Amino acid sequence: MNENYYRREQVLEIFDLQESFLDELEDEELIECSILEQAEGKIYSADQLERIRIISNLVHDLEVNLPGVEVILQMRENMIVMRRQFDQILEALVKEIKVRMS
């Protein structure tokens, strides 16, 4: 799987963020970066970019503090897992109904 990565400078520019904000998100373990060769610096996956977008919106637009952001992100992840489980159950149910109707 070929995933897109973004350099730290690109992320700062895309979201108009201060470097200290990204540092704080990393320190609080709300986001993860990958490190290229020392001269290359930090990079972020597309998934992490989406997390940064969500966090930035929560903090800057809705004035949610970082502990609140952490709770919201965890709830979001739980909802995504539950949605996948529900979809799997629904698929199995549809298959079972098709088998019984055949």
Protein backbone atom coordinates (compact mmCIF):
# COMPACT_ATOMS: atom_id res chain seq x y z
CA MET A 1 0.00 0.00 0.00
CA ASN A 2 1.51 3.30 -1.07
CA GLU A 3 0.56 5.94 1.48
CA ASN A 4 1.03 9.66 0.99
CA TYR A 5 3.30 11.45 3.43
CA TYR A 6 3.62 15.16 4.11
CA ARG A 7 6.65 17.03 5.36
CA ARG A 8 6.30 19.00 8.58
CA GLU A 9 6.65 22.28 6.69
CA GLN A 10 3.80 21.28 4.37
CA VAL A 11 1.55 20.44 7.32
CA LEU A 12 2.28 23.78 8.97
CA GLU A 13 1.44 25.57 5.72
CA ILE A 14 -1.68 23.53 4.88
CA PHE A 15 -3.30 24.20 8.26
CA ASP A 16 -1.62 27.53 9.00
CA LEU A 17 -0.26 26.21 12.30
CA GLN A 18 2.57 27.19 14.58
CA GLU A 19 5.36 24.65 14.95
CA SER A 20 4.89 24.72 18.73
CA PHE A 21 1.30 23.49 18.25
CA LEU A 22 2.49 20.39 16.36
CA ASP A 23 5.15 19.83 19.02
CA GLU A 24 2.46 19.96 21.70
CA LEU A 25 0.26 17.48 19.82
CA GLU A 26 3.22 15.10 19.54
CA ASP A 27 4.12 15.56 23.22
CA GLU A 28 0.52 14.77 24.20
CA GLU A 29 0.63 11.75 21.83
CA LEU A 30 -2.39 12.98 19.90
CA ILE A 31 -0.46 12.63 16.64
CA GLU A 32 2.52 10.59 15.48
CA CYS A 33 5.18 11.52 13.01
CA SER A 34 7.71 9.45 11.16
CA ILE A 35 11.29 10.59 10.96
CA LEU A 36 13.23 10.43 7.73
CA GLU A 37 16.96 10.72 7.64
CA GLN A 38 18.10 13.36 10.10
CA ALA A 39 18.55 16.02 7.44
CA GLU A 40 15.10 15.29 5.98
CA GLY A 41 13.06 15.87 9.16
CA LYS A 42 9.62 14.73 10.24
CA ILE A 43 6.82 13.52 7.99
CA TYR A 44 3.15 12.74 8.61
CA SER A 45 0.94 10.13 6.98
CA ALA A 46 -2.38 10.99 5.36
CA ASP A 47 -4.13 9.47 8.40
CA GLN A 48 -2.16 11.73 10.73
CA LEU A 49 -2.93 14.70 8.50
CA GLU A 50 -6.64 13.95 8.95
CA ARG A 51 -6.14 13.79 12.75
CA ILE A 52 -4.32 17.13 12.64
CA ARG A 53 -7.21 18.63 10.66
CA ILE A 54 -9.76 17.41 13.19
CA ILE A 55 -7.68 18.52 16.16
CA SER A 56 -7.04 21.94 14.62
CA ASN A 57 -10.77 22.43 14.01
CA LEU A 58 -11.64 21.36 17.55
CA VAL A 59 -9.01 23.57 19.17
CA HIS A 60 -9.21 26.67 16.99
CA ASP A 61 -12.84 26.72 15.87
CA LEU A 62 -14.59 25.13 18.84
CA GLU A 63 -12.08 26.07 21.56
CA VAL A 64 -11.81 22.50 22.88
CA ASN A 65 -8.80 21.91 25.15
CA LEU A 66 -6.38 19.06 24.47
CA PRO A 67 -7.82 16.69 27.11
CA GLY A 68 -11.23 17.24 25.48
CA VAL A 69 -9.73 16.61 22.07
CA GLU A 70 -8.31 13.32 23.31
CA VAL A 71 -11.76 12.22 24.54
CA ILE A 72 -13.42 13.27 21.29
CA LEU A 73 -10.83 11.44 19.17
CA GLN A 74 -11.24 8.28 21.25
CA MET A 75 -15.02 8.46 20.92
CA ARG A 76 -14.66 9.00 17.16
CA GLU A 77 -12.40 5.96 16.84
CA ASN A 78 -14.84 3.87 18.89
CA MET A 79 -17.70 4.96 16.64
CA ILE A 80 -15.70 4.00 13.54
CA VAL A 81 -14.99 0.53 14.98
CA MET A 82 -18.65 0.10 15.94
CA ARG A 83 -19.72 1.17 12.45
CA ARG A 84 -17.42 -1.43 10.87
CA GLN A 85 -18.78 -4.11 13.20
CA PHE A 86 -22.34 -3.11 12.36
CA ASP A 87 -21.56 -3.25 8.63
CA GLN A 88 -20.09 -6.75 9.04
CA ILE A 89 -23.16 -7.93 10.96
CA LEU A 90 -25.44 -6.41 8.33
CA GLU A 91 -23.49 -8.12 5.51
CA ALA A 92 -23.71 -11.48 7.29
CA LEU A 93 -27.42 -10.99 7.83
CA VAL A 94 -28.00 -10.14 4.16
CA LYS A 95 -26.04 -13.25 3.10
CA GLU A 96 -28.05 -15.41 5.49
CA ILE A 97 -31.32 -14.03 4.15
CA LYS A 98 -30.22 -14.65 0.54
CA VAL A 99 -29.27 -18.24 1.41
CA ARG A 100 -32.63 -18.88 3.07
CA MET A 101 -34.52 -17.39 0.15
CA SER A 102 -32.67 -19.50 -2.42
